[in-house]
PDB file of N, CA and C in Angstrom:
ATOM      1  N   GLN A   1     128.263  98.941 120.640  1.00  0.00           N
ATOM      2  CA  GLN A   1     127.113  99.939 121.024  1.00  0.00           C
ATOM      3  C   GLN A   1     125.849  99.499 120.718  1.00  0.00           C
ATOM      4  N   VAL A   2     125.004  99.428 121.580  1.00  0.00           N
ATOM      5  CA  VAL A   2     123.743  98.750 121.570  1.00  0.00           C
ATOM      6  C   VAL A   2     122.732 100.228 121.666  1.00  0.00           C
ATOM      7  N   GLN A   3     121.616 100.089 120.815  1.00  0.00           N
ATOM      8  CA  GLN A   3     120.742 101.157 121.190  1.00  0.00           C
ATOM      9  C   GLN A   3     119.420 100.579 121.389  1.00  0.00           C
ATOM     10  N   LEU A   4     118.703 100.940 122.567  1.00  0.00           N
ATOM     11  CA  LEU A   4     117.302 100.342 122.617  1.00  0.00           C
ATOM     12  C   LEU A   4     116.339 101.601 122.539  1.00  0.00           C
ATOM     13  N   VAL A   5     115.113 100.924 121.965  1.00  0.00           N
ATOM     14  CA  VAL A   5     113.997 101.963 122.088  1.00  0.00           C
ATOM     15  C   VAL A   5     112.717 101.262 122.386  1.00  0.00           C
ATOM     16  N   GLU A   6     112.071 102.008 123.403  1.00  0.00           N
ATOM     17  CA  GLU A   6     110.876 101.576 124.175  1.00  0.00           C
ATOM     18  C   GLU A   6     109.663 102.131 123.700  1.00  0.00           C
ATOM     19  N   SER A   7     108.702 101.516 123.493  1.00  0.00           N
ATOM     20  CA  SER A   7     107.171 101.855 123.225  1.00  0.00           C
ATOM     21  C   SER A   7     106.235 101.113 123.993  1.00  0.00           C
ATOM     22  N   GLY A   8     105.035 101.767 124.195  1.00  0.00           N
ATOM     23  CA  GLY A   8     103.756 101.044 124.595  1.00  0.00           C
ATOM     24  C   GLY A   8     103.268 101.395 125.991  1.00  0.00           C
ATOM     25  N   GLY A   9     104.141 102.342 126.657  1.00  0.00           N
ATOM     26  CA  GLY A   9     103.499 103.045 127.967  1.00  0.00           C
ATOM     27  C   GLY A   9     102.267 103.605 127.789  1.00  0.00           C
ATOM     28  N   GLY A  10     101.640 104.087 128.840  1.00  0.00           N
ATOM     29  CA  GLY A  10     100.418 104.512 128.843  1.00  0.00           C
ATOM     30  C   GLY A  10      99.581 104.461 130.136  1.00  0.00           C
ATOM     31  N   THR A  11      98.397 104.889 130.120  1.00  0.00           N
ATOM     32  CA  THR A  11      97.618 105.030 131.424  1.00  0.00           C
ATOM     33  C   THR A  11      96.400 104.052 131.359  1.00  0.00           C
ATOM     34  N   VAL A  12      96.374 103.418 132.363  1.00  0.00           N
ATOM     35  CA  VAL A  12      95.162 102.277 132.350  1.00  0.00           C
ATOM     36  C   VAL A  12      94.469 102.392 133.695  1.00  0.00           C
ATOM     37  N   GLN A  13      93.410 101.896 134.002  1.00  0.00           N
ATOM     38  CA  GLN A  13      92.608 101.764 135.075  1.00  0.00           C
ATOM     39  C   GLN A  13      93.172 100.373 135.682  1.00  0.00           C
ATOM     40  N   ALA A  14      93.195 100.359 137.129  1.00  0.00           N
ATOM     41  CA  ALA A  14      93.327  99.110 137.733  1.00  0.00           C
ATOM     42  C   ALA A  14      92.687  97.847 136.994  1.00  0.00           C
ATOM     43  N   GLY A  15      93.410  97.059 137.108  1.00  0.00           N
ATOM     44  CA  GLY A  15      92.958  95.582 136.409  1.00  0.00           C
ATOM     45  C   GLY A  15      93.170  95.745 134.760  1.00  0.00           C
ATOM     46  N   GLY A  16      93.429  96.734 134.303  1.00  0.00           N
ATOM     47  CA  GLY A  16      93.761  97.069 132.875  1.00  0.00           C
ATOM     48  C   GLY A  16      95.105  96.114 132.361  1.00  0.00           C
ATOM     49  N   SER A  17      95.439  96.363 131.213  1.00  0.00           N
ATOM     50  CA  SER A  17      96.576  95.859 130.519  1.00  0.00           C
ATOM     51  C   SER A  17      97.511  96.762 129.666  1.00  0.00           C
ATOM     52  N   LEU A  18      98.827  96.595 129.587  1.00  0.00           N
ATOM     53  CA  LEU A  18      99.495  97.073 128.805  1.00  0.00           C
ATOM     54  C   LEU A  18     100.555  96.385 128.126  1.00  0.00           C
ATOM     55  N   ARG A  19     101.155  96.554 126.888  1.00  0.00           N
ATOM     56  CA  ARG A  19     102.192  95.733 126.471  1.00  0.00           C
ATOM     57  C   ARG A  19     103.303  96.655 126.052  1.00  0.00           C
ATOM     58  N   LEU A  20     104.470  96.550 126.583  1.00  0.00           N
ATOM     59  CA  LEU A  20     105.640  97.253 126.542  1.00  0.00           C
ATOM     60  C   LEU A  20     106.584  96.508 125.494  1.00  0.00           C
ATOM     61  N   SER A  21     107.168  97.196 124.491  1.00  0.00           N
ATOM     62  CA  SER A  21     107.990  96.806 123.667  1.00  0.00           C
ATOM     63  C   SER A  21     109.444  97.281 123.543  1.00  0.00           C
ATOM     64  N   CYS A  22     110.593  96.632 123.597  1.00  0.00           N
ATOM     65  CA  CYS A  22     111.900  97.141 123.259  1.00  0.00           C
ATOM     66  C   CYS A  22     112.657  96.532 122.199  1.00  0.00           C
ATOM     67  N   THR A  23     112.920  97.307 121.214  1.00  0.00           N
ATOM     68  CA  THR A  23     113.873  96.957 120.151  1.00  0.00           C
ATOM     69  C   THR A  23     115.344  97.282 120.089  1.00  0.00           C
ATOM     70  N   ALA A  24     115.936  96.493 119.924  1.00  0.00           N
ATOM     71  CA  ALA A  24     117.479  96.730 120.176  1.00  0.00           C
ATOM     72  C   ALA A  24     118.021  96.825 118.493  1.00  0.00           C
ATOM     73  N   SER A  25     118.924  97.703 118.562  1.00  0.00           N
ATOM     74  CA  SER A  25     119.811  97.719 117.258  1.00  0.00           C
ATOM     75  C   SER A  25     121.281  98.245 117.520  1.00  0.00           C
ATOM     76  N   GLY A  26     122.390  98.112 116.602  1.00  0.00           N
ATOM     77  CA  GLY A  26     123.516  98.239 116.792  1.00  0.00           C
ATOM     78  C   GLY A  26     124.332  96.857 116.622  1.00  0.00           C
ATOM     79  N   ARG A  27     125.413  97.066 117.530  1.00  0.00           N
ATOM     80  CA  ARG A  27     126.209  95.618 117.510  1.00  0.00           C
ATOM     81  C   ARG A  27     125.467  94.704 117.972  1.00  0.00           C
ATOM     82  N   THR A  28     125.911  93.401 117.313  1.00  0.00           N
ATOM     83  CA  THR A  28     125.213  92.148 117.626  1.00  0.00           C
ATOM     84  C   THR A  28     126.212  91.308 118.411  1.00  0.00           C
ATOM     85  N   TYR A  29     125.344  90.720 119.329  1.00  0.00           N
ATOM     86  CA  TYR A  29     126.061  89.783 120.404  1.00  0.00           C
ATOM     87  C   TYR A  29     125.210  88.569 120.441  1.00  0.00           C
ATOM     88  N   SER A  30     125.995  87.614 120.908  1.00  0.00           N
ATOM     89  CA  SER A  30     125.302  86.101 120.835  1.00  0.00           C
ATOM     90  C   SER A  30     125.013  85.746 122.138  1.00  0.00           C
ATOM     91  N   ASP A  31     125.319  86.209 123.376  1.00  0.00           N
ATOM     92  CA  ASP A  31     125.103  85.784 124.548  1.00  0.00           C
ATOM     93  C   ASP A  31     124.499  87.056 125.626  1.00  0.00           C
ATOM     94  N   TYR A  32     123.377  87.253 125.738  1.00  0.00           N
ATOM     95  CA  TYR A  32     122.931  88.436 126.439  1.00  0.00           C
ATOM     96  C   TYR A  32     121.443  88.089 126.876  1.00  0.00           C
ATOM     97  N   ALA A  33     121.213  88.977 127.946  1.00  0.00           N
ATOM     98  CA  ALA A  33     119.870  88.940 128.527  1.00  0.00           C
ATOM     99  C   ALA A  33     119.161  90.332 128.274  1.00  0.00           C
ATOM    100  N   MET A  34     117.699  90.321 127.949  1.00  0.00           N
ATOM    101  CA  MET A  34     117.002  91.495 128.054  1.00  0.00           C
ATOM    102  C   MET A  34     115.947  91.534 128.938  1.00  0.00           C
ATOM    103  N   GLY A  35     115.550  92.796 129.439  1.00  0.00           N
ATOM    104  CA  GLY A  35     114.389  92.703 130.370  1.00  0.00           C
ATOM    105  C   GLY A  35     113.902  94.242 130.814  1.00  0.00           C
ATOM    106  N   TRP A  36     113.561  94.322 131.772  1.00  0.00           N
ATOM    107  CA  TRP A  36     113.015  95.391 132.416  1.00  0.00           C
ATOM    108  C   TRP A  36     113.317  95.924 133.781  1.00  0.00           C
ATOM    109  N   PHE A  37     113.708  96.960 134.214  1.00  0.00           N
ATOM    110  CA  PHE A  37     113.466  97.412 135.488  1.00  0.00           C
ATOM    111  C   PHE A  37     112.479  98.619 135.646  1.00  0.00           C
ATOM    112  N   ARG A  38     111.914  99.001 136.814  1.00  0.00           N
ATOM    113  CA  ARG A  38     111.089 100.088 136.765  1.00  0.00           C
ATOM    114  C   ARG A  38     111.526 101.063 137.818  1.00  0.00           C
ATOM    115  N   GLN A  39     111.122 102.264 137.885  1.00  0.00           N
ATOM    116  CA  GLN A  39     111.350 103.256 139.017  1.00  0.00           C
ATOM    117  C   GLN A  39     110.422 103.991 139.113  1.00  0.00           C
ATOM    118  N   ALA A  40     109.807 104.244 140.449  1.00  0.00           N
ATOM    119  CA  ALA A  40     109.031 105.235 140.755  1.00  0.00           C
ATOM    120  C   ALA A  40     109.633 106.509 141.471  1.00  0.00           C
ATOM    121  N   PRO A  41     109.094 107.823 141.482  1.00  0.00           N
ATOM    122  CA  PRO A  41     109.723 108.579 141.876  1.00  0.00           C
ATOM    123  C   PRO A  41     110.216 108.539 143.310  1.00  0.00           C
ATOM    124  N   GLY A  42     111.347 108.862 143.774  1.00  0.00           N
ATOM    125  CA  GLY A  42     111.729 108.879 145.076  1.00  0.00           C
ATOM    126  C   GLY A  42     112.266 107.276 145.533  1.00  0.00           C
ATOM    127  N   LYS A  43     112.023 106.418 144.633  1.00  0.00           N
ATOM    128  CA  LYS A  43     112.341 105.070 144.952  1.00  0.00           C
ATOM    129  C   LYS A  43     113.647 104.633 143.905  1.00  0.00           C
ATOM    130  N   GLU A  44     114.186 103.406 144.670  1.00  0.00           N
ATOM    131  CA  GLU A  44     115.127 102.757 143.846  1.00  0.00           C
ATOM    132  C   GLU A  44     114.747 102.144 142.485  1.00  0.00           C
ATOM    133  N   ARG A  45     115.192 101.957 141.572  1.00  0.00           N
ATOM    134  CA  ARG A  45     114.951 101.042 140.462  1.00  0.00           C
ATOM    135  C   ARG A  45     115.039  99.753 140.772  1.00  0.00           C
ATOM    136  N   GLU A  46     113.882  99.005 140.456  1.00  0.00           N
ATOM    137  CA  GLU A  46     113.641  97.611 140.941  1.00  0.00           C
ATOM    138  C   GLU A  46     113.511  96.640 139.500  1.00  0.00           C
ATOM    139  N   PHE A  47     113.992  95.431 139.667  1.00  0.00           N
ATOM    140  CA  PHE A  47     113.890  94.497 138.749  1.00  0.00           C
ATOM    141  C   PHE A  47     112.472  93.921 138.509  1.00  0.00           C
ATOM    142  N   VAL A  48     112.104  93.899 137.166  1.00  0.00           N
ATOM    143  CA  VAL A  48     110.895  93.355 136.772  1.00  0.00           C
ATOM    144  C   VAL A  48     110.793  92.133 136.325  1.00  0.00           C
ATOM    145  N   ALA A  49     111.365  92.168 135.068  1.00  0.00           N
ATOM    146  CA  ALA A  49     111.602  90.787 134.605  1.00  0.00           C
ATOM    147  C   ALA A  49     112.705  90.690 133.473  1.00  0.00           C
ATOM    148  N   SER A  50     112.954  89.613 133.122  1.00  0.00           N
ATOM    149  CA  SER A  50     114.048  89.238 131.941  1.00  0.00           C
ATOM    150  C   SER A  50     114.042  88.160 131.481  1.00  0.00           C
ATOM    151  N   LEU A  51     114.689  87.904 130.496  1.00  0.00           N
ATOM    152  CA  LEU A  51     114.871  86.632 129.644  1.00  0.00           C
ATOM    153  C   LEU A  51     116.291  86.757 129.105  1.00  0.00           C
ATOM    154  N   ARG A  52     116.508  85.120 128.929  1.00  0.00           N
ATOM    155  CA  ARG A  52     117.988  84.847 128.381  1.00  0.00           C
ATOM    156  C   ARG A  52     117.648  84.546 126.724  1.00  0.00           C
ATOM    157  N   TRP A  53     118.372  85.654 125.975  1.00  0.00           N
ATOM    158  CA  TRP A  53     118.071  85.709 124.751  1.00  0.00           C
ATOM    159  C   TRP A  53     118.241  84.292 123.968  1.00  0.00           C
ATOM    160  N   SER A  54     119.211  83.496 124.318  1.00  0.00           N
ATOM    161  CA  SER A  54     119.569  82.170 123.790  1.00  0.00           C
ATOM    162  C   SER A  54     118.376  81.207 123.702  1.00  0.00           C
ATOM    163  N   ASN A  55     117.831  81.134 125.076  1.00  0.00           N
ATOM    164  CA  ASN A  55     116.564  80.317 125.205  1.00  0.00           C
ATOM    165  C   ASN A  55     115.241  80.976 125.441  1.00  0.00           C
ATOM    166  N   GLY A  56     115.419  82.029 125.644  1.00  0.00           N
ATOM    167  CA  GLY A  56     114.023  82.761 126.171  1.00  0.00           C
ATOM    168  C   GLY A  56     113.382  82.305 127.582  1.00  0.00           C
ATOM    169  N   ASN A  57     114.453  81.776 128.343  1.00  0.00           N
ATOM    170  CA  ASN A  57     114.099  81.462 129.505  1.00  0.00           C
ATOM    171  C   ASN A  57     113.589  82.571 130.328  1.00  0.00           C
ATOM    172  N   PRO A  58     112.488  82.850 130.867  1.00  0.00           N
ATOM    173  CA  PRO A  58     112.084  83.962 131.700  1.00  0.00           C
ATOM    174  C   PRO A  58     112.279  84.051 133.281  1.00  0.00           C
ATOM    175  N   GLU A  59     112.658  85.305 134.032  1.00  0.00           N
ATOM    176  CA  GLU A  59     112.570  85.439 135.349  1.00  0.00           C
ATOM    177  C   GLU A  59     111.765  86.719 135.797  1.00  0.00           C
ATOM    178  N   TYR A  60     111.142  86.693 136.739  1.00  0.00           N
ATOM    179  CA  TYR A  60     110.319  87.788 137.164  1.00  0.00           C
ATOM    180  C   TYR A  60     110.352  87.946 138.614  1.00  0.00           C
ATOM    181  N   SER A  61     110.112  89.225 138.999  1.00  0.00           N
ATOM    182  CA  SER A  61     110.184  89.583 140.342  1.00  0.00           C
ATOM    183  C   SER A  61     108.903  88.934 140.845  1.00  0.00           C
ATOM    184  N   ASP A  62     109.018  88.821 142.206  1.00  0.00           N
ATOM    185  CA  ASP A  62     107.767  88.110 142.979  1.00  0.00           C
ATOM    186  C   ASP A  62     106.544  89.146 142.901  1.00  0.00           C
ATOM    187  N   SER A  63     106.660  90.428 142.828  1.00  0.00           N
ATOM    188  CA  SER A  63     105.691  91.217 142.635  1.00  0.00           C
ATOM    189  C   SER A  63     104.895  91.281 141.501  1.00  0.00           C
ATOM    190  N   VAL A  64     105.193  90.717 140.439  1.00  0.00           N
ATOM    191  CA  VAL A  64     104.804  90.788 138.921  1.00  0.00           C
ATOM    192  C   VAL A  64     104.479  89.397 138.577  1.00  0.00           C
ATOM    193  N   LYS A  65     104.944  88.408 139.128  1.00  0.00           N
ATOM    194  CA  LYS A  65     104.913  86.910 138.777  1.00  0.00           C
ATOM    195  C   LYS A  65     103.380  86.486 138.666  1.00  0.00           C
ATOM    196  N   GLY A  66     103.153  85.892 137.501  1.00  0.00           N
ATOM    197  CA  GLY A  66     101.610  85.536 137.348  1.00  0.00           C
ATOM    198  C   GLY A  66     100.910  86.475 136.778  1.00  0.00           C
ATOM    199  N   ARG A  67     101.171  87.943 136.667  1.00  0.00           N
ATOM    200  CA  ARG A  67     100.529  88.895 135.713  1.00  0.00           C
ATOM    201  C   ARG A  67     101.388  89.229 134.702  1.00  0.00           C
ATOM    202  N   PHE A  68     102.679  89.348 134.683  1.00  0.00           N
ATOM    203  CA  PHE A  68     103.411  89.905 133.453  1.00  0.00           C
ATOM    204  C   PHE A  68     103.973  88.655 132.700  1.00  0.00           C
ATOM    205  N   THR A  69     104.170  88.803 131.437  1.00  0.00           N
ATOM    206  CA  THR A  69     104.816  87.843 130.685  1.00  0.00           C
ATOM    207  C   THR A  69     105.704  88.581 129.750  1.00  0.00           C
ATOM    208  N   ILE A  70     107.004  87.958 129.719  1.00  0.00           N
ATOM    209  CA  ILE A  70     108.184  88.729 128.964  1.00  0.00           C
ATOM    210  C   ILE A  70     108.378  87.497 127.852  1.00  0.00           C
ATOM    211  N   THR A  71     108.224  88.178 126.577  1.00  0.00           N
ATOM    212  CA  THR A  71     108.671  87.159 125.322  1.00  0.00           C
ATOM    213  C   THR A  71     109.711  87.840 124.589  1.00  0.00           C
ATOM    214  N   ARG A  72     110.503  87.090 123.442  1.00  0.00           N
ATOM    215  CA  ARG A  72     111.067  87.850 122.380  1.00  0.00           C
ATOM    216  C   ARG A  72     110.378  87.508 121.020  1.00  0.00           C
ATOM    217  N   GLN A  73     110.859  88.314 120.004  1.00  0.00           N
ATOM    218  CA  GLN A  73     110.827  88.061 118.709  1.00  0.00           C
ATOM    219  C   GLN A  73     112.328  88.194 118.199  1.00  0.00           C
ATOM    220  N   ILE A  74     112.651  86.948 117.636  1.00  0.00           N
ATOM    221  CA  ILE A  74     113.918  86.889 117.286  1.00  0.00           C
ATOM    222  C   ILE A  74     114.278  87.842 116.047  1.00  0.00           C
ATOM    223  N   ALA A  75     113.332  87.770 115.056  1.00  0.00           N
ATOM    224  CA  ALA A  75     113.695  88.412 113.827  1.00  0.00           C
ATOM    225  C   ALA A  75     113.810  89.928 113.916  1.00  0.00           C
ATOM    226  N   LYS A  76     113.014  90.490 115.035  1.00  0.00           N
ATOM    227  CA  LYS A  76     113.024  91.758 115.159  1.00  0.00           C
ATOM    228  C   LYS A  76     113.907  92.344 116.343  1.00  0.00           C
ATOM    229  N   ASN A  77     114.643  91.515 116.647  1.00  0.00           N
ATOM    230  CA  ASN A  77     115.819  91.774 118.087  1.00  0.00           C
ATOM    231  C   ASN A  77     114.636  92.578 119.111  1.00  0.00           C
ATOM    232  N   ALA A  78     113.475  92.153 119.291  1.00  0.00           N
ATOM    233  CA  ALA A  78     112.660  92.748 120.124  1.00  0.00           C
ATOM    234  C   ALA A  78     112.260  91.837 121.360  1.00  0.00           C
ATOM    235  N   VAL A  79     111.915  92.323 122.520  1.00  0.00           N
ATOM    236  CA  VAL A  79     111.667  91.964 123.457  1.00  0.00           C
ATOM    237  C   VAL A  79     110.059  92.597 123.946  1.00  0.00           C
ATOM    238  N   TYR A  80     109.090  91.863 124.468  1.00  0.00           N
ATOM    239  CA  TYR A  80     107.811  92.283 124.822  1.00  0.00           C
ATOM    240  C   TYR A  80     107.541  91.959 126.198  1.00  0.00           C
ATOM    241  N   LEU A  81     106.790  92.830 126.811  1.00  0.00           N
ATOM    242  CA  LEU A  81     106.226  92.686 128.333  1.00  0.00           C
ATOM    243  C   LEU A  81     104.850  92.956 128.324  1.00  0.00           C
ATOM    244  N   GLN A  82     104.093  91.729 128.327  1.00  0.00           N
ATOM    245  CA  GLN A  82     102.724  91.916 128.684  1.00  0.00           C
ATOM    246  C   GLN A  82     102.179  91.991 130.183  1.00  0.00           C
ATOM    247  N   MET A  83     101.681  93.049 130.539  1.00  0.00           N
ATOM    248  CA  MET A  83     101.126  93.333 131.807  1.00  0.00           C
ATOM    249  C   MET A  83      99.777  93.270 131.760  1.00  0.00           C
ATOM    250  N   ASN A  84      99.510  92.536 132.483  1.00  0.00           N
ATOM    251  CA  ASN A  84      97.813  92.245 132.873  1.00  0.00           C
ATOM    252  C   ASN A  84      97.590  92.310 134.374  1.00  0.00           C
ATOM    253  N   SER A  85      96.431  92.816 134.715  1.00  0.00           N
ATOM    254  CA  SER A  85      95.795  92.780 136.031  1.00  0.00           C
ATOM    255  C   SER A  85      96.526  93.719 136.692  1.00  0.00           C
ATOM    256  N   LEU A  86      96.875  94.930 136.035  1.00  0.00           N
ATOM    257  CA  LEU A  86      97.835  95.988 136.697  1.00  0.00           C
ATOM    258  C   LEU A  86      97.042  96.695 137.859  1.00  0.00           C
ATOM    259  N   LYS A  87      98.101  97.043 138.791  1.00  0.00           N
ATOM    260  CA  LYS A  87      97.823  97.581 139.903  1.00  0.00           C
ATOM    261  C   LYS A  87      98.277  98.992 140.125  1.00  0.00           C
ATOM    262  N   PRO A  88      97.868  99.795 141.062  1.00  0.00           N
ATOM    263  CA  PRO A  88      98.422 101.185 141.202  1.00  0.00           C
ATOM    264  C   PRO A  88      99.878 101.204 141.432  1.00  0.00           C
ATOM    265  N   GLU A  89     100.276 100.134 142.267  1.00  0.00           N
ATOM    266  CA  GLU A  89     101.762 100.019 142.588  1.00  0.00           C
ATOM    267  C   GLU A  89     102.486  99.763 141.410  1.00  0.00           C
ATOM    268  N   ASP A  90     102.068  99.390 140.427  1.00  0.00           N
ATOM    269  CA  ASP A  90     102.862  99.096 139.203  1.00  0.00           C
ATOM    270  C   ASP A  90     103.189 100.562 138.543  1.00  0.00           C
ATOM    271  N   THR A  91     102.720 101.490 138.894  1.00  0.00           N
ATOM    272  CA  THR A  91     102.910 102.791 138.252  1.00  0.00           C
ATOM    273  C   THR A  91     104.422 103.321 138.403  1.00  0.00           C
ATOM    274  N   ALA A  92     105.057 103.414 137.301  1.00  0.00           N
ATOM    275  CA  ALA A  92     106.455 103.721 137.484  1.00  0.00           C
ATOM    276  C   ALA A  92     107.142 103.918 135.972  1.00  0.00           C
ATOM    277  N   VAL A  93     108.245 104.602 135.861  1.00  0.00           N
ATOM    278  CA  VAL A  93     108.822 104.553 134.485  1.00  0.00           C
ATOM    279  C   VAL A  93     109.600 103.104 134.279  1.00  0.00           C
ATOM    280  N   TYR A  94     109.480 102.555 133.098  1.00  0.00           N
ATOM    281  CA  TYR A  94     109.716 101.093 132.868  1.00  0.00           C
ATOM    282  C   TYR A  94     111.082 101.337 131.966  1.00  0.00           C
ATOM    283  N   PHE A  95     112.178 100.999 132.206  1.00  0.00           N
ATOM    284  CA  PHE A  95     113.385 101.003 131.454  1.00  0.00           C
ATOM    285  C   PHE A  95     113.684  99.699 131.014  1.00  0.00           C
ATOM    286  N   CYS A  96     113.749  99.410 129.667  1.00  0.00           N
ATOM    287  CA  CYS A  96     114.352  98.069 129.155  1.00  0.00           C
ATOM    288  C   CYS A  96     115.946  98.360 129.244  1.00  0.00           C
ATOM    289  N   TYR A  97     116.512  96.989 129.264  1.00  0.00           N
ATOM    290  CA  TYR A  97     117.893  97.032 129.290  1.00  0.00           C
ATOM    291  C   TYR A  97     118.354  95.557 128.665  1.00  0.00           C
ATOM    292  N   VAL A  98     119.723  95.755 128.317  1.00  0.00           N
ATOM    293  CA  VAL A  98     120.088  94.438 127.669  1.00  0.00           C
ATOM    294  C   VAL A  98     121.630  94.360 128.432  1.00  0.00           C
ATOM    295  N   LYS A  99     121.921  93.010 129.023  1.00  0.00           N
ATOM    296  CA  LYS A  99     122.855  92.889 129.795  1.00  0.00           C
ATOM    297  C   LYS A  99     123.891  91.767 128.997  1.00  0.00           C
ATOM    298  N   ILE A 100     124.804  92.351 128.457  1.00  0.00           N
ATOM    299  CA  ILE A 100     125.714  91.267 127.550  1.00  0.00           C
ATOM    300  C   ILE A 100     126.843  90.481 128.433  1.00  0.00           C
ATOM    301  N   ARG A 101     126.902  89.355 128.164  1.00  0.00           N
ATOM    302  CA  ARG A 101     127.762  88.561 129.205  1.00  0.00           C
ATOM    303  C   ARG A 101     129.180  88.969 128.861  1.00  0.00           C
ATOM    304  N   GLY A 102     129.915  88.995 129.989  1.00  0.00           N
ATOM    305  CA  GLY A 102     131.252  89.830 129.863  1.00  0.00           C
ATOM    306  C   GLY A 102     131.505  91.289 130.016  1.00  0.00           C
ATOM    307  N   MET A 103     130.330  91.739 130.001  1.00  0.00           N
ATOM    308  CA  MET A 103     130.154  93.435 129.943  1.00  0.00           C
ATOM    309  C   MET A 103     129.707  93.780 131.392  1.00  0.00           C
ATOM    310  N   GLN A 104     130.258  94.949 132.004  1.00  0.00           N
ATOM    311  CA  GLN A 104     129.803  95.226 133.494  1.00  0.00           C
ATOM    312  C   GLN A 104     128.588  95.795 133.586  1.00  0.00           C
ATOM    313  N   ASP A 105     128.517  96.736 132.644  1.00  0.00           N
ATOM    314  CA  ASP A 105     127.420  97.714 132.714  1.00  0.00           C
ATOM    315  C   ASP A 105     126.033  97.299 131.565  1.00  0.00           C
ATOM    316  N   ARG A 106     124.659  97.593 131.857  1.00  0.00           N
ATOM    317  CA  ARG A 106     123.955  97.451 131.004  1.00  0.00           C
ATOM    318  C   ARG A 106     123.640  98.701 130.345  1.00  0.00           C
ATOM    319  N   TYR A 107     122.838  98.308 128.990  1.00  0.00           N
ATOM    320  CA  TYR A 107     122.447  99.608 128.240  1.00  0.00           C
ATOM    321  C   TYR A 107     120.923  99.498 128.449  1.00  0.00           C
ATOM    322  N   TRP A 108     120.601 100.710 128.372  1.00  0.00           N
ATOM    323  CA  TRP A 108     119.303 101.190 128.757  1.00  0.00           C
ATOM    324  C   TRP A 108     118.387 101.954 127.813  1.00  0.00           C
ATOM    325  N   GLY A 109     116.909 101.612 127.711  1.00  0.00           N
ATOM    326  CA  GLY A 109     116.290 102.413 127.034  1.00  0.00           C
ATOM    327  C   GLY A 109     115.608 103.559 127.383  1.00  0.00           C
ATOM    328  N   GLN A 110     115.070 104.307 126.839  1.00  0.00           N
ATOM    329  CA  GLN A 110     114.678 105.788 127.019  1.00  0.00           C
ATOM    330  C   GLN A 110     113.759 105.799 128.273  1.00  0.00           C
ATOM    331  N   GLY A 111     113.093 104.709 128.627  1.00  0.00           N
ATOM    332  CA  GLY A 111     111.839 104.669 129.717  1.00  0.00           C
ATOM    333  C   GLY A 111     110.594 104.745 128.972  1.00  0.00           C
ATOM    334  N   ALA A 112     109.524 104.176 129.488  1.00  0.00           N
ATOM    335  CA  ALA A 112     108.184 104.200 129.186  1.00  0.00           C
ATOM    336  C   ALA A 112     107.492 104.450 130.599  1.00  0.00           C
ATOM    337  N   GLN A 113     106.659 105.569 130.592  1.00  0.00           N
ATOM    338  CA  GLN A 113     105.715 105.757 131.640  1.00  0.00           C
ATOM    339  C   GLN A 113     104.459 104.896 131.755  1.00  0.00           C
ATOM    340  N   VAL A 114     104.378 104.123 132.818  1.00  0.00           N
ATOM    341  CA  VAL A 114     103.181 103.313 132.912  1.00  0.00           C
ATOM    342  C   VAL A 114     102.426 103.927 134.205  1.00  0.00           C
ATOM    343  N   THR A 115     101.085 104.259 134.005  1.00  0.00           N
ATOM    344  CA  THR A 115     100.422 104.861 135.079  1.00  0.00           C
ATOM    345  C   THR A 115      99.226 103.940 135.287  1.00  0.00           C
ATOM    346  N   VAL A 116      98.929 103.735 136.544  1.00  0.00           N
ATOM    347  CA  VAL A 116      97.715 102.824 136.770  1.00  0.00           C
ATOM    348  C   VAL A 116      96.835 103.630 137.707  1.00  0.00           C
ATOM    349  N   SER A 117      95.670 103.917 137.425  1.00  0.00           N
ATOM    350  CA  SER A 117      94.762 104.686 138.320  1.00  0.00           C
ATOM    351  C   SER A 117      93.925 103.636 139.061  1.00  0.00           C
ATOM    352  N   SER A 118      93.519 103.933 140.300  1.00  0.00           N
ATOM    353  CA  SER A 118      92.812 103.258 140.995  1.00  0.00           C
ATOM    354  C   SER A 118      91.148 103.615 140.793  1.00  0.00           C
TER     355      SER A 118
END
């Protein structure tokens, strides 16, 4: 069992920045990935960014590449999403996840609302 707690959401003007955090607790696993999906009302949940815990190698969706940076802090079992140059289309609820190798389903955080005003 894994629990994920998110923080760092809020409201910013277009062009501003926010930093999301996601801290994991519970069972310890040796091979997993962590990251974020986001979902706007009436739309499908879409991938944003992820990293492989073992080496920190990141992946990004094309829509956020060059603006968002995902990192990890090993001692805190935490990942961070630095979001710069935010656009109104980034407005969504951002859900942190952990995907453990060999398990079908992801574990999800509670969600963090990000609102970017024009």
